[in-house]
């Protein structure tokens, strides 16, 4: 959303993209190694 405003894709009056908007089409893998 910060990038969208910096690039002018979102104007001042526009609401932010939702998380679902931004992740639509995304495949991601998040792997953590946690000691406890």
ModelCIF file with pLDDT and N, C-alpha, C, O atoms, coordinates in Angstrom:
data_MODEL
#
_entry.id   MODEL 
#
_entity.id                         1 
_entity.type                       polymer 
_entity.pdbx_number_of_molecules   1 
#
_entity_poly.entity_id                      1 
_entity_poly.type                           'polypeptide(L)' 
_entity_poly.nstd_linkage                   no 
_entity_poly.nstd_monomer                   no 
_entity_poly.pdbx_seq_one_letter_code       
;(UNK)(UNK)(UNK)(UNK)(UNK)(UNK)(UNK)(UNK)(UNK)(UNK)(UNK)(UNK)(UNK)(UNK)(UNK)(UNK)
(UNK)(UNK)(UNK)(UNK)(UNK)(UNK)(UNK)(UNK)(UNK)(UNK)(UNK)(UNK)(UNK)(UNK)(UNK)(UNK)
(UNK)(UNK)(UNK)(UNK)
;
_entity_poly.pdbx_seq_one_letter_code_can   XXXXXXXXXXXXXXXXXXXXXXXXXXXXXXXXXXXX 
_entity_poly.pdbx_strand_id                 A 
#
loop_
_entity_poly_seq.entity_id 
_entity_poly_seq.num 
_entity_poly_seq.mon_id 
_entity_poly_seq.hetero 
1 1  UNK n 
1 2  UNK n 
1 3  UNK n 
1 4  UNK n 
1 5  UNK n 
1 6  UNK n 
1 7  UNK n 
1 8  UNK n 
1 9  UNK n 
1 10 UNK n 
1 11 UNK n 
1 12 UNK n 
1 13 UNK n 
1 14 UNK n 
1 15 UNK n 
1 16 UNK n 
1 17 UNK n 
1 18 UNK n 
1 19 UNK n 
1 20 UNK n 
1 21 UNK n 
1 22 UNK n 
1 23 UNK n 
1 24 UNK n 
1 25 UNK n 
1 26 UNK n 
1 27 UNK n 
1 28 UNK n 
1 29 UNK n 
1 30 UNK n 
1 31 UNK n 
1 32 UNK n 
1 33 UNK n 
1 34 UNK n 
1 35 UNK n 
1 36 UNK n 
#
_struct_asym.id          A 
_struct_asym.entity_id   1 
#
loop_
_ma_qa_metric.id 
_ma_qa_metric.mode 
_ma_qa_metric.name 
_ma_qa_metric.software_group_id 
_ma_qa_metric.type 
1 global pLDDT . pLDDT 
2 local  pLDDT . pLDDT 
#
_ma_qa_metric_global.metric_id      1 
_ma_qa_metric_global.metric_value   93.11 
_ma_qa_metric_global.model_id       1 
_ma_qa_metric_global.ordinal_id     1 
#
loop_
_ma_qa_metric_local.label_asym_id 
_ma_qa_metric_local.label_comp_id 
_ma_qa_metric_local.label_seq_id 
_ma_qa_metric_local.metric_id 
_ma_qa_metric_local.metric_value 
_ma_qa_metric_local.model_id 
_ma_qa_metric_local.ordinal_id 
A UNK 1  2 96.00 1 1  
A UNK 2  2 96.00 1 2  
A UNK 3  2 96.00 1 3  
A UNK 4  2 96.00 1 4  
A UNK 5  2 95.00 1 5  
A UNK 6  2 94.00 1 6  
A UNK 7  2 94.00 1 7  
A UNK 8  2 93.00 1 8  
A UNK 9  2 94.00 1 9  
A UNK 10 2 92.00 1 10 
A UNK 11 2 91.00 1 11 
A UNK 12 2 88.00 1 12 
A UNK 13 2 90.00 1 13 
A UNK 14 2 91.00 1 14 
A UNK 15 2 92.00 1 15 
A UNK 16 2 95.00 1 16 
A UNK 17 2 94.00 1 17 
A UNK 18 2 93.00 1 18 
A UNK 19 2 93.00 1 19 
A UNK 20 2 90.00 1 20 
A UNK 21 2 92.00 1 21 
A UNK 22 2 95.00 1 22 
A UNK 23 2 94.00 1 23 
A UNK 24 2 89.00 1 24 
A UNK 25 2 91.00 1 25 
A UNK 26 2 95.00 1 26 
A UNK 27 2 95.00 1 27 
A UNK 28 2 97.00 1 28 
A UNK 29 2 97.00 1 29 
A UNK 30 2 97.00 1 30 
A UNK 31 2 96.00 1 31 
A UNK 32 2 95.00 1 32 
A UNK 33 2 92.00 1 33 
A UNK 34 2 90.00 1 34 
A UNK 35 2 87.00 1 35 
A UNK 36 2 87.00 1 36 
#
loop_
_atom_site.group_PDB 
_atom_site.id 
_atom_site.type_symbol 
_atom_site.label_atom_id 
_atom_site.label_alt_id 
_atom_site.label_comp_id 
_atom_site.label_asym_id 
_atom_site.label_entity_id 
_atom_site.label_seq_id 
_atom_site.pdbx_PDB_ins_code 
_atom_site.Cartn_x 
_atom_site.Cartn_y 
_atom_site.Cartn_z 
_atom_site.occupancy 
_atom_site.B_iso_or_equiv 
_atom_site.pdbx_formal_charge 
_atom_site.auth_seq_id 
_atom_site.auth_comp_id 
_atom_site.auth_asym_id 
_atom_site.auth_atom_id 
_atom_site.pdbx_PDB_model_num 
ATOM 1   N N  . UNK A 1 1  ? 0.828   -1.217  0.000  1.00 96.00 ? 1  UNK A N  1 
ATOM 2   C CA . UNK A 1 1  ? 0.000   0.000   0.000  1.00 96.00 ? 1  UNK A CA 1 
ATOM 3   C C  . UNK A 1 1  ? 0.861   1.266   0.000  1.00 96.00 ? 1  UNK A C  1 
ATOM 4   O O  . UNK A 1 1  ? 0.513   2.261   -0.635 1.00 96.00 ? 1  UNK A O  1 
ATOM 5   N N  . UNK A 1 2  ? 1.998   1.217   0.725  1.00 96.00 ? 2  UNK A N  1 
ATOM 6   C CA . UNK A 1 2  ? 2.918   2.375   0.707  1.00 96.00 ? 2  UNK A CA 1 
ATOM 7   C C  . UNK A 1 2  ? 3.457   2.613   -0.703 1.00 96.00 ? 2  UNK A C  1 
ATOM 8   O O  . UNK A 1 2  ? 3.508   3.748   -1.177 1.00 96.00 ? 2  UNK A O  1 
ATOM 9   N N  . UNK A 1 3  ? 3.857   1.530   -1.363 1.00 96.00 ? 3  UNK A N  1 
ATOM 10  C CA . UNK A 1 3  ? 4.359   1.654   -2.742 1.00 96.00 ? 3  UNK A CA 1 
ATOM 11  C C  . UNK A 1 3  ? 3.260   2.178   -3.666 1.00 96.00 ? 3  UNK A C  1 
ATOM 12  O O  . UNK A 1 3  ? 3.526   3.016   -4.527 1.00 96.00 ? 3  UNK A O  1 
ATOM 13  N N  . UNK A 1 4  ? 2.024   1.692   -3.496 1.00 96.00 ? 4  UNK A N  1 
ATOM 14  C CA . UNK A 1 4  ? 0.908   2.111   -4.364 1.00 96.00 ? 4  UNK A CA 1 
ATOM 15  C C  . UNK A 1 4  ? 0.679   3.620   -4.254 1.00 96.00 ? 4  UNK A C  1 
ATOM 16  O O  . UNK A 1 4  ? 0.349   4.273   -5.244 1.00 96.00 ? 4  UNK A O  1 
ATOM 17  N N  . UNK A 1 5  ? 0.855   4.173   -3.046 1.00 95.00 ? 5  UNK A N  1 
ATOM 18  C CA . UNK A 1 5  ? 0.671   5.630   -2.865 1.00 95.00 ? 5  UNK A CA 1 
ATOM 19  C C  . UNK A 1 5  ? 1.869   6.401   -3.434 1.00 95.00 ? 5  UNK A C  1 
ATOM 20  O O  . UNK A 1 5  ? 1.704   7.451   -4.056 1.00 95.00 ? 5  UNK A O  1 
ATOM 21  N N  . UNK A 1 6  ? 3.066   5.870   -3.216 1.00 94.00 ? 6  UNK A N  1 
ATOM 22  C CA . UNK A 1 6  ? 4.270   6.543   -3.750 1.00 94.00 ? 6  UNK A CA 1 
ATOM 23  C C  . UNK A 1 6  ? 4.232   6.615   -5.277 1.00 94.00 ? 6  UNK A C  1 
ATOM 24  O O  . UNK A 1 6  ? 4.678   7.595   -5.873 1.00 94.00 ? 6  UNK A O  1 
ATOM 25  N N  . UNK A 1 7  ? 3.692   5.560   -5.904 1.00 94.00 ? 7  UNK A N  1 
ATOM 26  C CA . UNK A 1 7  ? 3.658   5.514   -7.375 1.00 94.00 ? 7  UNK A CA 1 
ATOM 27  C C  . UNK A 1 7  ? 2.405   6.180   -7.948 1.00 94.00 ? 7  UNK A C  1 
ATOM 28  O O  . UNK A 1 7  ? 2.240   6.255   -9.165 1.00 94.00 ? 7  UNK A O  1 
ATOM 29  N N  . UNK A 1 8  ? 1.518   6.666   -7.064 1.00 93.00 ? 8  UNK A N  1 
ATOM 30  C CA . UNK A 1 8  ? 0.309   7.362   -7.523 1.00 93.00 ? 8  UNK A CA 1 
ATOM 31  C C  . UNK A 1 8  ? -0.801  6.443   -7.981 1.00 93.00 ? 8  UNK A C  1 
ATOM 32  O O  . UNK A 1 8  ? -1.787  6.900   -8.559 1.00 93.00 ? 8  UNK A O  1 
ATOM 33  N N  . UNK A 1 9  ? -0.653  5.128   -7.727 1.00 94.00 ? 9  UNK A N  1 
ATOM 34  C CA . UNK A 1 9  ? -1.723  4.187   -8.110 1.00 94.00 ? 9  UNK A CA 1 
ATOM 35  C C  . UNK A 1 9  ? -2.919  4.403   -7.185 1.00 94.00 ? 9  UNK A C  1 
ATOM 36  O O  . UNK A 1 9  ? -4.069  4.338   -7.619 1.00 94.00 ? 9  UNK A O  1 
ATOM 37  N N  . UNK A 1 10 ? -2.639  4.662   -5.907 1.00 92.00 ? 10 UNK A N  1 
ATOM 38  C CA . UNK A 1 10 ? -3.697  5.052   -4.960 1.00 92.00 ? 10 UNK A CA 1 
ATOM 39  C C  . UNK A 1 10 ? -3.594  6.552   -4.704 1.00 92.00 ? 10 UNK A C  1 
ATOM 40  O O  . UNK A 1 10 ? -2.535  7.043   -4.312 1.00 92.00 ? 10 UNK A O  1 
ATOM 41  N N  . UNK A 1 11 ? -4.679  7.278   -4.923 1.00 91.00 ? 11 UNK A N  1 
ATOM 42  C CA . UNK A 1 11 ? -4.709  8.724   -4.654 1.00 91.00 ? 11 UNK A CA 1 
ATOM 43  C C  . UNK A 1 11 ? -5.074  8.964   -3.181 1.00 91.00 ? 11 UNK A C  1 
ATOM 44  O O  . UNK A 1 11 ? -5.448  8.033   -2.467 1.00 91.00 ? 11 UNK A O  1 
ATOM 45  N N  . UNK A 1 12 ? -4.962  10.218  -2.740 1.00 88.00 ? 12 UNK A N  1 
ATOM 46  C CA . UNK A 1 12 ? -5.231  10.562  -1.329 1.00 88.00 ? 12 UNK A CA 1 
ATOM 47  C C  . UNK A 1 12 ? -6.615  10.104  -0.884 1.00 88.00 ? 12 UNK A C  1 
ATOM 48  O O  . UNK A 1 12 ? -6.789  9.591   0.222  1.00 88.00 ? 12 UNK A O  1 
ATOM 49  N N  . UNK A 1 13 ? -7.607  10.300  -1.773 1.00 90.00 ? 13 UNK A N  1 
ATOM 50  C CA . UNK A 1 13 ? -8.999  9.987   -1.374 1.00 90.00 ? 13 UNK A CA 1 
ATOM 51  C C  . UNK A 1 13 ? -9.289  8.482   -1.416 1.00 90.00 ? 13 UNK A C  1 
ATOM 52  O O  . UNK A 1 13 ? -10.300 8.039   -0.871 1.00 90.00 ? 13 UNK A O  1 
ATOM 53  N N  . UNK A 1 14 ? -8.416  7.692   -2.054 1.00 91.00 ? 14 UNK A N  1 
ATOM 54  C CA . UNK A 1 14 ? -8.672  6.242   -2.209 1.00 91.00 ? 14 UNK A CA 1 
ATOM 55  C C  . UNK A 1 14 ? -8.416  5.488   -0.919 1.00 91.00 ? 14 UNK A C  1 
ATOM 56  O O  . UNK A 1 14 ? -7.489  5.800   -0.173 1.00 91.00 ? 14 UNK A O  1 
ATOM 57  N N  . UNK A 1 15 ? -9.247  4.497   -0.670 1.00 92.00 ? 15 UNK A N  1 
ATOM 58  C CA . UNK A 1 15 ? -8.986  3.582   0.458  1.00 92.00 ? 15 UNK A CA 1 
ATOM 59  C C  . UNK A 1 15 ? -7.838  2.656   0.086  1.00 92.00 ? 15 UNK A C  1 
ATOM 60  O O  . UNK A 1 15 ? -7.589  2.415   -1.095 1.00 92.00 ? 15 UNK A O  1 
ATOM 61  N N  . UNK A 1 16 ? -7.142  2.141   1.085  1.00 95.00 ? 16 UNK A N  1 
ATOM 62  C CA . UNK A 1 16 ? -6.057  1.185   0.844  1.00 95.00 ? 16 UNK A CA 1 
ATOM 63  C C  . UNK A 1 16 ? -6.590  -0.082  0.171  1.00 95.00 ? 16 UNK A C  1 
ATOM 64  O O  . UNK A 1 16 ? -7.766  -0.425  0.296  1.00 95.00 ? 16 UNK A O  1 
ATOM 65  N N  . UNK A 1 17 ? -5.695  -0.766  -0.543 1.00 94.00 ? 17 UNK A N  1 
ATOM 66  C CA . UNK A 1 17 ? -6.024  -2.118  -0.985 1.00 94.00 ? 17 UNK A CA 1 
ATOM 67  C C  . UNK A 1 17 ? -6.177  -2.997  0.247  1.00 94.00 ? 17 UNK A C  1 
ATOM 68  O O  . UNK A 1 17 ? -5.468  -2.809  1.236  1.00 94.00 ? 17 UNK A O  1 
ATOM 69  N N  . UNK A 1 18 ? -7.083  -3.943  0.197  1.00 93.00 ? 18 UNK A N  1 
ATOM 70  C CA . UNK A 1 18 ? -7.196  -4.905  1.305  1.00 93.00 ? 18 UNK A CA 1 
ATOM 71  C C  . UNK A 1 18 ? -6.099  -5.964  1.141  1.00 93.00 ? 18 UNK A C  1 
ATOM 72  O O  . UNK A 1 18 ? -5.484  -6.081  0.082  1.00 93.00 ? 18 UNK A O  1 
ATOM 73  N N  . UNK A 1 19 ? -5.872  -6.725  2.203  1.00 93.00 ? 19 UNK A N  1 
ATOM 74  C CA . UNK A 1 19 ? -4.902  -7.821  2.132  1.00 93.00 ? 19 UNK A CA 1 
ATOM 75  C C  . UNK A 1 19 ? -5.270  -8.801  1.038  1.00 93.00 ? 19 UNK A C  1 
ATOM 76  O O  . UNK A 1 19 ? -4.409  -9.288  0.305  1.00 93.00 ? 19 UNK A O  1 
ATOM 77  N N  . UNK A 1 20 ? -6.579  -9.090  0.934  1.00 90.00 ? 20 UNK A N  1 
ATOM 78  C CA . UNK A 1 20 ? -7.042  -10.049 -0.092 1.00 90.00 ? 20 UNK A CA 1 
ATOM 79  C C  . UNK A 1 20 ? -6.783  -9.501  -1.496 1.00 90.00 ? 20 UNK A C  1 
ATOM 80  O O  . UNK A 1 20 ? -6.428  -10.263 -2.395 1.00 90.00 ? 20 UNK A O  1 
ATOM 81  N N  . UNK A 1 21 ? -6.957  -8.181  -1.700 1.00 92.00 ? 21 UNK A N  1 
ATOM 82  C CA . UNK A 1 21 ? -6.653  -7.568  -3.003 1.00 92.00 ? 21 UNK A CA 1 
ATOM 83  C C  . UNK A 1 21 ? -5.189  -7.830  -3.368 1.00 92.00 ? 21 UNK A C  1 
ATOM 84  O O  . UNK A 1 21 ? -4.864  -8.270  -4.470 1.00 92.00 ? 21 UNK A O  1 
ATOM 85  N N  . UNK A 1 22 ? -4.323  -7.540  -2.395 1.00 95.00 ? 22 UNK A N  1 
ATOM 86  C CA . UNK A 1 22 ? -2.881  -7.607  -2.657 1.00 95.00 ? 22 UNK A CA 1 
ATOM 87  C C  . UNK A 1 22 ? -2.413  -9.044  -2.854 1.00 95.00 ? 22 UNK A C  1 
ATOM 88  O O  . UNK A 1 22 ? -1.470  -9.293  -3.605 1.00 95.00 ? 22 UNK A O  1 
ATOM 89  N N  . UNK A 1 23 ? -3.065  -9.983  -2.188 1.00 94.00 ? 23 UNK A N  1 
ATOM 90  C CA . UNK A 1 23 ? -2.615  -11.384 -2.281 1.00 94.00 ? 23 UNK A CA 1 
ATOM 91  C C  . UNK A 1 23 ? -3.337  -12.175 -3.377 1.00 94.00 ? 23 UNK A C  1 
ATOM 92  O O  . UNK A 1 23 ? -3.058  -13.359 -3.569 1.00 94.00 ? 23 UNK A O  1 
ATOM 93  N N  . UNK A 1 24 ? -4.246  -11.540 -4.084 1.00 89.00 ? 24 UNK A N  1 
ATOM 94  C CA . UNK A 1 24 ? -4.974  -12.255 -5.138 1.00 89.00 ? 24 UNK A CA 1 
ATOM 95  C C  . UNK A 1 24 ? -4.000  -12.652 -6.244 1.00 89.00 ? 24 UNK A C  1 
ATOM 96  O O  . UNK A 1 24 ? -3.364  -11.794 -6.856 1.00 89.00 ? 24 UNK A O  1 
ATOM 97  N N  . UNK A 1 25 ? -3.886  -13.950 -6.496 1.00 91.00 ? 25 UNK A N  1 
ATOM 98  C CA . UNK A 1 25 ? -2.923  -14.422 -7.490 1.00 91.00 ? 25 UNK A CA 1 
ATOM 99  C C  . UNK A 1 25 ? -1.583  -14.805 -6.905 1.00 91.00 ? 25 UNK A C  1 
ATOM 100 O O  . UNK A 1 25 ? -0.708  -15.284 -7.627 1.00 91.00 ? 25 UNK A O  1 
ATOM 101 N N  . UNK A 1 26 ? -1.403  -14.601 -5.598 1.00 95.00 ? 26 UNK A N  1 
ATOM 102 C CA . UNK A 1 26 ? -0.113  -14.896 -4.963 1.00 95.00 ? 26 UNK A CA 1 
ATOM 103 C C  . UNK A 1 26 ? -0.015  -16.359 -4.533 1.00 95.00 ? 26 UNK A C  1 
ATOM 104 O O  . UNK A 1 26 ? -0.933  -16.905 -3.922 1.00 95.00 ? 26 UNK A O  1 
ATOM 105 N N  . UNK A 1 27 ? 1.099   -16.972 -4.862 1.00 95.00 ? 27 UNK A N  1 
ATOM 106 C CA . UNK A 1 27 ? 1.500   -18.235 -4.219 1.00 95.00 ? 27 UNK A CA 1 
ATOM 107 C C  . UNK A 1 27 ? 2.703   -17.874 -3.367 1.00 95.00 ? 27 UNK A C  1 
ATOM 108 O O  . UNK A 1 27 ? 3.613   -17.191 -3.836 1.00 95.00 ? 27 UNK A O  1 
ATOM 109 N N  . UNK A 1 28 ? 2.716   -18.326 -2.119 1.00 97.00 ? 28 UNK A N  1 
ATOM 110 C CA . UNK A 1 28 ? 3.853   -18.014 -1.241 1.00 97.00 ? 28 UNK A CA 1 
ATOM 111 C C  . UNK A 1 28 ? 4.114   -19.181 -0.310 1.00 97.00 ? 28 UNK A C  1 
ATOM 112 O O  . UNK A 1 28 ? 3.202   -19.921 0.061  1.00 97.00 ? 28 UNK A O  1 
ATOM 113 N N  . UNK A 1 29 ? 5.384   -19.331 0.063  1.00 97.00 ? 29 UNK A N  1 
ATOM 114 C CA . UNK A 1 29 ? 5.778   -20.322 1.072  1.00 97.00 ? 29 UNK A CA 1 
ATOM 115 C C  . UNK A 1 29 ? 6.589   -19.573 2.122  1.00 97.00 ? 29 UNK A C  1 
ATOM 116 O O  . UNK A 1 29 ? 7.570   -18.902 1.804  1.00 97.00 ? 29 UNK A O  1 
ATOM 117 N N  . UNK A 1 30 ? 6.170   -19.696 3.365  1.00 97.00 ? 30 UNK A N  1 
ATOM 118 C CA . UNK A 1 30 ? 6.881   -19.051 4.479  1.00 97.00 ? 30 UNK A CA 1 
ATOM 119 C C  . UNK A 1 30 ? 7.317   -20.151 5.433  1.00 97.00 ? 30 UNK A C  1 
ATOM 120 O O  . UNK A 1 30 ? 6.492   -20.869 6.000  1.00 97.00 ? 30 UNK A O  1 
ATOM 121 N N  . UNK A 1 31 ? 8.637   -20.269 5.601  1.00 96.00 ? 31 UNK A N  1 
ATOM 122 C CA . UNK A 1 31 ? 9.172   -21.331 6.456  1.00 96.00 ? 31 UNK A CA 1 
ATOM 123 C C  . UNK A 1 31 ? 10.006  -20.689 7.562  1.00 96.00 ? 31 UNK A C  1 
ATOM 124 O O  . UNK A 1 31 ? 10.926  -19.921 7.285  1.00 96.00 ? 31 UNK A O  1 
ATOM 125 N N  . UNK A 1 32 ? 9.680   -21.007 8.818  1.00 95.00 ? 32 UNK A N  1 
ATOM 126 C CA . UNK A 1 32 ? 10.463  -20.458 9.932  1.00 95.00 ? 32 UNK A CA 1 
ATOM 127 C C  . UNK A 1 32 ? 11.115  -21.604 10.707 1.00 95.00 ? 32 UNK A C  1 
ATOM 128 O O  . UNK A 1 32 ? 10.588  -22.713 10.790 1.00 95.00 ? 32 UNK A O  1 
ATOM 129 N N  . UNK A 1 33 ? 12.289  -21.287 11.273 1.00 92.00 ? 33 UNK A N  1 
ATOM 130 C CA . UNK A 1 33 ? 12.950  -22.221 12.192 1.00 92.00 ? 33 UNK A CA 1 
ATOM 131 C C  . UNK A 1 33 ? 12.910  -21.550 13.565 1.00 92.00 ? 33 UNK A C  1 
ATOM 132 O O  . UNK A 1 33 ? 13.541  -20.515 13.780 1.00 92.00 ? 33 UNK A O  1 
ATOM 133 N N  . UNK A 1 34 ? 12.166  -22.149 14.480 1.00 90.00 ? 34 UNK A N  1 
ATOM 134 C CA . UNK A 1 34 ? 11.923  -21.535 15.796 1.00 90.00 ? 34 UNK A CA 1 
ATOM 135 C C  . UNK A 1 34 ? 12.501  -22.423 16.896 1.00 90.00 ? 34 UNK A C  1 
ATOM 136 O O  . UNK A 1 34 ? 12.248  -23.628 16.909 1.00 90.00 ? 34 UNK A O  1 
ATOM 137 N N  . UNK A 1 35 ? 13.281  -21.841 17.828 1.00 87.00 ? 35 UNK A N  1 
ATOM 138 C CA . UNK A 1 35 ? 13.890  -22.683 18.870 1.00 87.00 ? 35 UNK A CA 1 
ATOM 139 C C  . UNK A 1 35 ? 12.877  -23.252 19.873 1.00 87.00 ? 35 UNK A C  1 
ATOM 140 O O  . UNK A 1 35 ? 13.140  -24.277 20.501 1.00 87.00 ? 35 UNK A O  1 
ATOM 141 N N  . UNK A 1 36 ? 11.733  -22.597 20.025 1.00 87.00 ? 36 UNK A N  1 
ATOM 142 C CA . UNK A 1 36 ? 10.767  -23.075 21.032 1.00 87.00 ? 36 UNK A CA 1 
ATOM 143 C C  . UNK A 1 36 ? 9.337   -22.864 20.533 1.00 87.00 ? 36 UNK A C  1 
ATOM 144 O O  . UNK A 1 36 ? 8.382   -23.201 21.234 1.00 87.00 ? 36 UNK A O  1 
#
